[in-house]
Protein backbone atom coordinates (compact mmCIF):
# COMPACT_ATOMS: atom_id res chain seq x y z
CA MET A 1 35.93 126.64 -81.17
CA VAL A 2 37.62 124.11 -79.00
CA LEU A 3 37.23 120.57 -79.67
CA SER A 4 38.36 117.64 -77.47
CA VAL A 5 38.72 113.98 -78.53
CA VAL A 6 38.12 111.01 -76.12
CA VAL A 7 39.70 107.82 -76.27
CA PRO A 8 38.67 105.20 -74.02
CA THR A 9 41.37 102.11 -74.39
CA TYR A 10 41.56 99.05 -72.28
CA LYS A 11 44.62 96.24 -73.52
CA ARG A 12 44.86 97.35 -76.79
CA PRO A 13 48.06 99.24 -77.28
CA GLY A 14 48.97 98.55 -81.04
CA SER A 15 44.93 100.05 -81.93
CA LEU A 16 45.47 102.92 -79.61
CA ARG A 17 49.31 104.31 -81.02
CA CYS A 18 47.48 104.11 -84.98
CA CYS A 19 44.47 105.73 -83.66
CA LEU A 20 46.56 108.63 -82.17
CA GLN A 21 48.88 109.08 -85.14
CA SER A 22 45.43 109.15 -87.12
CA LEU A 23 44.12 111.96 -85.16
CA MET A 24 47.56 113.54 -85.87
CA ALA A 25 47.63 113.47 -89.36
CA GLY A 26 44.24 114.97 -89.86
CA ARG A 27 43.60 118.59 -91.56
CA ARG A 28 41.82 119.63 -88.34
CA VAL A 29 43.67 118.30 -85.38
CA PRO A 30 41.93 118.22 -81.85
CA ASP A 31 43.03 120.53 -79.38
CA GLU A 32 43.26 118.38 -76.67
CA ILE A 33 43.12 114.29 -76.69
CA VAL A 34 41.78 112.86 -73.49
CA VAL A 35 43.26 108.90 -73.45
CA VAL A 36 41.43 107.00 -70.92
CA ILE A 37 43.06 103.86 -69.55
CA ARG A 38 42.13 101.52 -66.71
CA ASP A 39 44.54 101.33 -63.67
CA THR A 40 45.91 97.88 -64.64
CA ASP A 41 46.50 98.66 -68.32
CA ALA A 42 50.53 99.58 -67.74
CA THR A 43 51.14 99.15 -71.74
CA SER A 44 48.45 101.67 -72.78
CA ALA A 45 49.85 104.32 -70.21
CA ASN A 46 53.36 103.90 -71.70
CA ILE A 47 51.73 104.68 -75.15
CA ALA A 48 49.75 107.70 -73.59
CA ALA A 49 52.97 108.51 -72.08
CA GLU A 50 55.09 108.42 -75.41
CA PHE A 51 52.92 110.56 -77.38
CA ARG A 52 52.84 113.21 -75.09
CA GLU A 53 56.58 113.58 -75.05
CA HIS A 54 56.00 114.10 -78.64
CA PHE A 55 53.12 116.24 -79.51
CA PRO A 56 52.93 119.55 -80.90
CA SER A 57 53.01 122.57 -78.70
CA GLY A 58 49.40 123.89 -78.13
CA ILE A 59 48.01 120.36 -78.18
CA CYS A 60 47.01 118.95 -74.67
CA LEU A 61 47.01 115.15 -74.08
CA VAL A 62 45.54 113.98 -71.09
CA HIS A 63 45.51 110.84 -69.27
CA ALA A 64 42.89 110.15 -67.21
CA VAL A 65 42.79 106.79 -65.15
CA VAL A 66 39.82 104.69 -63.88
CA ASP A 67 39.52 101.93 -61.65
CA ARG A 68 36.11 100.00 -62.62
CA ALA A 69 35.49 97.91 -65.95
CA GLY A 70 32.24 99.92 -68.15
CA GLN A 71 31.84 101.76 -70.99
CA ALA A 72 29.93 104.44 -69.31
CA GLN A 73 32.34 104.71 -66.54
CA ALA A 74 35.59 105.39 -68.81
CA LEU A 75 33.13 107.86 -71.19
CA ASN A 76 32.79 109.87 -67.86
CA ALA A 77 35.91 109.61 -66.81
CA GLY A 78 36.68 111.16 -70.57
CA LEU A 79 34.48 113.57 -70.09
CA ALA A 80 35.05 114.90 -66.91
CA HIS A 81 38.96 115.62 -68.24
CA ALA A 82 37.93 117.09 -71.28
CA SER A 83 37.63 121.23 -71.27
CA GLY A 84 36.43 121.54 -75.11
CA GLU A 85 33.00 123.12 -75.82
CA ILE A 86 32.66 120.29 -78.22
CA VAL A 87 33.70 116.82 -77.30
CA CYS A 88 34.01 114.05 -79.47
CA PHE A 89 34.48 110.14 -78.73
CA ILE A 90 35.62 107.44 -80.65
CA ASP A 91 37.06 104.05 -80.12
CA ASP A 92 40.85 103.00 -79.95
CA ASP A 93 40.51 100.32 -82.85
CA VAL A 94 39.22 103.48 -85.19
CA LEU A 95 41.18 104.97 -88.10
CA VAL A 96 39.62 108.53 -88.52
CA THR A 97 40.12 110.16 -91.96
CA GLU A 98 41.71 113.54 -92.81
CA GLU A 99 38.58 115.48 -93.05
CA TRP A 100 37.02 113.77 -90.28
CA LEU A 101 37.50 116.78 -87.51
CA ALA A 102 36.96 119.50 -89.80
CA LYS A 103 33.58 118.23 -90.85
CA ILE A 104 32.34 117.69 -87.40
CA GLU A 105 33.58 121.32 -86.57
CA GLY A 106 31.34 122.35 -89.51
CA HIS A 107 28.14 121.10 -88.51
CA PHE A 108 28.38 122.76 -84.81
CA ARG A 109 28.74 126.14 -86.38
CA ASP A 110 25.19 125.84 -86.46
CA PRO A 111 23.78 126.48 -83.19
CA GLY A 112 20.63 124.44 -83.61
CA VAL A 113 23.04 121.30 -83.62
CA GLY A 114 23.55 119.28 -80.52
CA GLY A 115 25.75 116.15 -81.72
CA ALA A 116 27.02 115.01 -85.43
CA GLY A 117 28.74 111.83 -85.77
CA GLY A 118 28.77 109.94 -89.15
CA ARG A 119 29.74 106.51 -90.83
CA ASP A 120 31.93 103.79 -89.34
CA VAL A 121 33.51 101.46 -92.40
CA VAL A 122 34.27 98.16 -90.53
CA TYR A 123 37.22 95.84 -91.43
CA ARG A 124 37.59 92.20 -90.73
CA ASP A 125 40.88 90.27 -91.49
CA GLY A 126 42.07 94.05 -93.35
CA MET A 127 39.30 93.71 -95.51
CA PRO A 128 35.86 96.07 -95.33
CA ILE A 129 33.10 93.63 -94.31
CA THR A 130 29.80 93.54 -97.05
CA VAL A 131 27.37 95.78 -95.57
CA PRO A 132 23.57 96.23 -97.51
CA ALA A 133 22.73 99.70 -98.59
CA VAL A 134 20.05 100.99 -96.57
CA THR A 135 17.93 104.22 -96.37
CA ARG A 136 17.17 104.39 -92.66
CA VAL A 137 20.21 105.23 -90.09
CA GLY A 138 20.04 106.02 -86.14
CA CYS A 139 16.42 105.42 -85.58
CA VAL A 140 14.28 104.72 -82.80
CA ASP A 141 10.40 103.68 -83.71
CA TRP A 142 7.51 103.56 -81.84
CA LEU A 143 7.85 99.83 -81.03
CA GLY A 144 11.35 100.27 -79.36
CA ARG A 145 13.56 99.15 -81.96
CA ILE A 146 16.79 100.80 -82.21
CA ILE A 147 17.90 100.87 -85.64
CA GLY A 148 21.56 101.59 -86.39
CA ASN A 149 22.79 100.69 -89.81
CA HIS A 150 25.73 103.43 -89.01
CA HIS A 151 27.89 101.23 -90.52
CA CYS A 152 26.22 100.29 -93.90
CA ASP A 153 26.12 101.79 -97.17
CA PRO A 154 23.48 104.76 -96.91
CA LEU A 155 21.75 105.56 -100.39
CA PHE A 156 21.71 109.38 -99.67
CA ARG A 157 24.49 111.45 -99.43
CA ASP A 158 23.48 114.76 -97.51
CA PRO A 159 23.26 115.17 -93.86
CA VAL A 160 20.23 114.01 -92.09
CA CYS A 161 18.55 114.07 -88.81
CA VAL A 162 18.65 111.13 -86.66
CA ASP A 163 17.54 109.87 -83.31
CA HIS A 164 21.05 108.64 -82.27
CA LEU A 165 24.33 108.35 -83.27
CA LYS A 166 27.19 105.88 -82.93
CA GLY A 167 29.63 105.69 -80.41
CA CYS A 168 33.10 105.11 -82.61
CA ASN A 169 31.80 108.23 -84.26
CA MET A 170 29.70 110.76 -82.39
CA ALA A 171 30.36 114.30 -80.67
CA PHE A 172 28.43 116.70 -78.65
CA ARG A 173 28.15 119.98 -77.14
CA ARG A 174 29.39 119.48 -73.74
CA SER A 175 26.72 121.80 -72.46
CA LEU A 176 24.09 119.62 -73.45
CA LEU A 177 25.48 116.30 -72.21
CA PRO A 178 25.44 115.58 -68.17
CA GLY A 179 27.16 112.17 -68.61
CA PHE A 180 26.19 108.67 -69.57
CA ASP A 181 24.28 106.28 -67.61
CA GLU A 182 26.59 103.79 -65.28
CA ALA A 183 23.53 101.78 -64.48
CA LEU A 184 24.10 100.43 -68.39
CA VAL A 185 26.00 97.17 -68.54
CA PRO A 186 28.61 95.87 -70.88
CA PRO A 187 29.31 94.54 -73.35
CA THR A 188 26.41 95.87 -75.68
CA SER A 189 26.05 99.13 -72.86
CA LEU A 190 23.94 101.25 -75.74
CA SER A 191 25.57 104.63 -73.61
CA ASP A 192 25.58 105.97 -77.14
CA THR A 193 22.10 105.69 -77.94
CA ASP A 194 21.17 106.85 -74.41
CA ALA A 195 23.40 110.03 -74.31
CA SER A 196 22.12 110.62 -77.91
CA LEU A 197 18.47 110.64 -76.60
CA THR A 198 19.22 112.77 -73.52
CA VAL A 199 20.87 115.29 -75.86
CA ARG A 200 18.26 114.96 -78.47
CA ALA A 201 15.83 116.10 -75.78
CA THR A 202 16.97 119.22 -75.21
CA GLY A 203 15.73 120.48 -78.50
CA THR A 204 18.62 120.34 -80.49
CA LYS A 205 19.62 118.24 -83.69
CA LEU A 206 21.70 115.12 -83.97
CA VAL A 207 23.31 114.99 -87.52
CA TYR A 208 24.51 111.79 -89.21
CA ASP A 209 26.85 112.79 -92.20
CA PRO A 210 27.88 110.26 -94.00
CA SER A 211 31.38 111.80 -95.20
CA ILE A 212 32.10 111.96 -91.43
CA ILE A 213 33.88 108.68 -91.76
CA VAL A 214 36.28 106.47 -89.30
CA HIS A 215 37.70 103.07 -90.59
CA HIS A 216 36.91 100.69 -87.28
CA ILE A 217 39.30 97.99 -87.43
CA ALA A 218 37.07 95.86 -85.13
CA ALA A 219 39.30 94.46 -82.55
CA GLN A 220 38.00 91.56 -79.82
CA ARG A 221 36.42 93.03 -76.43
CA ALA A 222 37.88 91.87 -73.47
CA GLU A 223 34.63 91.89 -71.96
CA PRO A 224 32.98 88.43 -71.49
CA GLY A 225 30.53 88.05 -74.34
CA GLY A 226 33.20 90.14 -76.55
CA ARG A 227 31.68 90.68 -80.21
CA ASP A 228 29.58 87.50 -80.19
CA ALA A 229 25.94 88.96 -79.98
CA ARG A 230 24.51 85.65 -78.98
CA ALA A 231 26.82 84.98 -76.18
CA PRO A 232 24.64 85.05 -73.12
CA GLU A 233 26.30 88.31 -71.63
CA SER A 234 25.72 89.76 -74.75
CA VAL A 235 22.05 89.00 -74.93
CA PHE A 236 21.58 90.01 -71.08
CA ALA A 237 23.41 93.28 -71.44
CA HIS A 238 21.12 94.17 -74.72
CA SER A 239 17.74 93.46 -73.41
CA HIS A 240 18.41 95.18 -69.97
CA ASN A 241 20.15 98.07 -71.85
CA ALA A 242 17.61 98.78 -74.42
CA THR A 243 14.36 98.09 -71.75
CA TYR A 244 15.75 100.60 -68.99
CA CYS A 245 17.21 103.28 -71.53
CA LEU A 246 13.64 103.25 -73.73
CA LEU A 247 11.62 103.31 -70.27
CA LYS A 248 13.91 106.84 -69.55
CA HIS A 249 13.19 108.28 -72.83
CA PHE A 250 9.77 106.99 -73.75
CA PRO A 251 6.58 108.61 -72.58
CA PRO A 252 4.63 106.01 -70.52
CA VAL A 253 1.53 105.98 -73.29
CA ARG A 254 4.30 104.17 -75.10
CA TRP A 255 5.45 101.81 -73.02
CA PRO A 256 2.57 98.78 -73.13
CA LEU A 257 3.73 98.98 -77.19
CA PHE A 258 7.29 98.47 -76.49
CA PHE A 259 6.44 96.00 -74.24
CA LEU A 260 4.48 93.97 -76.17
CA PHE A 261 6.48 94.40 -79.30
CA SER A 262 9.68 93.56 -77.30
CA PHE A 263 8.25 90.17 -75.21
CA LEU A 264 6.23 88.95 -78.68
CA ILE A 265 8.71 89.46 -81.23
CA GLY A 266 12.02 90.96 -79.91
CA GLU A 267 15.00 92.98 -81.76
CA GLY A 268 18.01 91.28 -83.03
CA GLU A 269 19.37 88.64 -80.90
CA ASP A 270 16.75 90.02 -78.34
CA ILE A 271 14.21 87.17 -79.07
CA GLY A 272 10.35 87.10 -78.51
CA LEU A 273 8.11 84.55 -78.15
CA TRP A 274 7.66 84.33 -82.13
CA LYS A 275 11.28 84.44 -82.78
CA LEU A 276 11.78 81.47 -80.15
CA LEU A 277 8.88 79.48 -81.85
CA ARG A 278 10.26 79.86 -85.27
CA ARG A 279 13.65 78.80 -84.38
CA LEU A 280 12.43 75.82 -82.22
CA LEU A 281 10.92 74.50 -85.28
CA GLY A 282 13.69 75.38 -87.36
CA GLY A 283 15.77 72.78 -85.13
CA ASP A 284 17.64 75.41 -83.50
CA GLY A 285 17.82 74.16 -79.29
CA SER A 286 20.06 77.03 -77.96
CA ALA A 287 17.21 79.24 -78.46
CA LEU A 288 15.31 78.50 -75.23
CA LYS A 289 18.24 79.65 -73.34
CA GLN A 290 18.55 83.17 -75.37
CA TYR A 291 14.99 83.70 -74.83
CA LEU A 292 14.99 83.05 -71.18
CA VAL A 293 18.16 85.33 -71.02
CA ALA A 294 16.57 87.84 -73.09
CA CYS A 295 13.60 88.03 -70.65
CA CYS A 296 15.63 88.02 -67.53
CA GLY A 297 17.37 90.97 -69.06
CA LYS A 298 14.36 92.55 -69.59
CA MET A 299 12.78 92.37 -66.52
CA VAL A 300 16.40 93.55 -65.00
CA GLY A 301 15.92 96.59 -66.80
CA LEU A 302 12.47 97.40 -65.69
CA TRP A 303 13.80 96.73 -62.34
CA THR A 304 16.82 99.19 -62.20
CA TYR A 305 14.52 101.77 -64.19
CA VAL A 306 12.22 101.52 -60.96
CA ALA A 307 14.94 101.96 -58.63
CA GLY A 308 16.70 104.83 -60.53
CA TRP A 309 13.31 106.32 -60.41
CA ARG A 310 12.70 105.91 -56.93
CA THR A 311 16.07 107.27 -56.25
CA ARG A 312 15.38 110.26 -58.09
CA ARG A 313 12.02 110.83 -56.61
CA GLN A 314 13.55 110.61 -53.13
CA ARG A 315 16.31 113.19 -53.92
CA GLY A 316 14.02 115.55 -55.78
CA ARG A 317 11.80 115.74 -51.98
CA GLN A 318 14.74 116.07 -50.29
CA ARG A 319 15.89 119.12 -52.52
CA LYS A 320 12.26 120.60 -51.91
CA ALA A 321 13.01 120.16 -48.43
CA GLY A 322 15.86 121.79 -47.71
CA ALA A 323 14.86 124.55 -50.07
CA ARG A 324 11.96 124.97 -47.79
CA ALA A 325 14.17 125.04 -44.72
CA ARG A 326 16.35 127.31 -45.84
CA PRO A 327 15.68 131.39 -45.02
CA GLY A 328 14.66 133.34 -47.98
CA PRO A 329 17.62 135.92 -49.60
CA LYS A 330 18.48 138.91 -47.16
CA HIS A 331 19.69 142.10 -48.63
CA ALA A 332 22.49 143.54 -47.11
CA GLY A 333 21.93 146.78 -45.28
CA GLN A 334 17.95 146.53 -45.10
CA THR A 335 16.11 146.16 -41.70
CA PRO A 336 12.53 144.40 -41.87
CA ARG A 337 9.96 147.20 -42.35
CA LYS A 338 7.58 148.14 -39.21
CA ARG A 339 3.87 147.21 -39.85
CA ASN A 340 1.31 149.82 -39.39
CA ALA A 341 -0.72 149.36 -36.04
C-alpha cells in the first residue's frame, strides 16, 4: 500500500521543519511527502529543498507550488501531485506520533473504509489546552450542526464511524476523493468537512480512531481573521461555507429545518436571532454586527450553491447534447446490413 502525505504550508518555516522531522521519525514512514508552498514563500521552499537532499532513498519529496491563496487550492495542488492510493493530510504546525501512519495504514486494510483520522492534541504556549471529555466526535446532525470535538478527550477508546474528519489529521482513498471545493472561502473553509461528506456518500466508512494522534502546536494563520472565531472574516467564512456545504450534501427535504435552525438559533459564532437577543440583553454591543455578518454569509453561501448548481446543470446538458451529436460506435471490418425488400 503506497501512502502519500500532503503538507500545505505558508510562511511557517520552523513549524514545517519540525513537522517533516516528525514524519521521518515514525515507525511507518511515508512513501511520498508532498509539500505545498505558495510561490511567494521562498523560506519554506528552501526548507523543502534542504530536506529533499537528505531524504533516504526510496522516499519521494515533492515540492508543489501554488500561486493563489486558499486552503482548498493548496489541498488540490497537493492531491494532484500525490501518487499514493492513500493520501493523508496534515497541517504544517503538527507533529505526528511514532505510530501515526502505521495506525492509519491498518484501517485501510479494510476495503470498506474510505477515510480515517484521529485526534489532534492542541498546544498553546507550549502546554496542552484544557479540553472537555466528550461522547460525540465528527457528527453532522439533522439541524445542520457541525460537531467537531476532534481535539477533545473522547470517553471511548475504540475506533468509531463518524460523518467527518479534521483537516490536520485525516486520510482518504485517492480513488474516492475527486478534489476539494474551491468555492469554500478561508480562513475557516470547512474543506475537511466537505471532503469527508463527499467520500462518505460513496457508501464507505469514515473511521475516527482516538489513538491516531497528532500534536497540534497551533500557529497563527496568515489570513485575515486568523484563529479569532469572532473576527468578521471568520464569521462570514464559517456562515458561508457551512450553508454552501450542507446544501450540497443534505437532501432538499432537510433544507427548511436547517435554515430555520440556522437563522433562529445558529451554531457557535454563527449566531442566530435567539443568540443575538441573549447577547444584546447581556450588554454585548458587538453581537448585532456579528449577527449581520453571519446572515450575510448565509445568503452568499445560498447564492454560491445556486450558482454552482446552475453551472453543473448547464455542463450536464452540454455533455448530453454532445453525446447525442456523436455518431454511434462502428466496428472495424463490418458493413451495414441490407434490409430485406
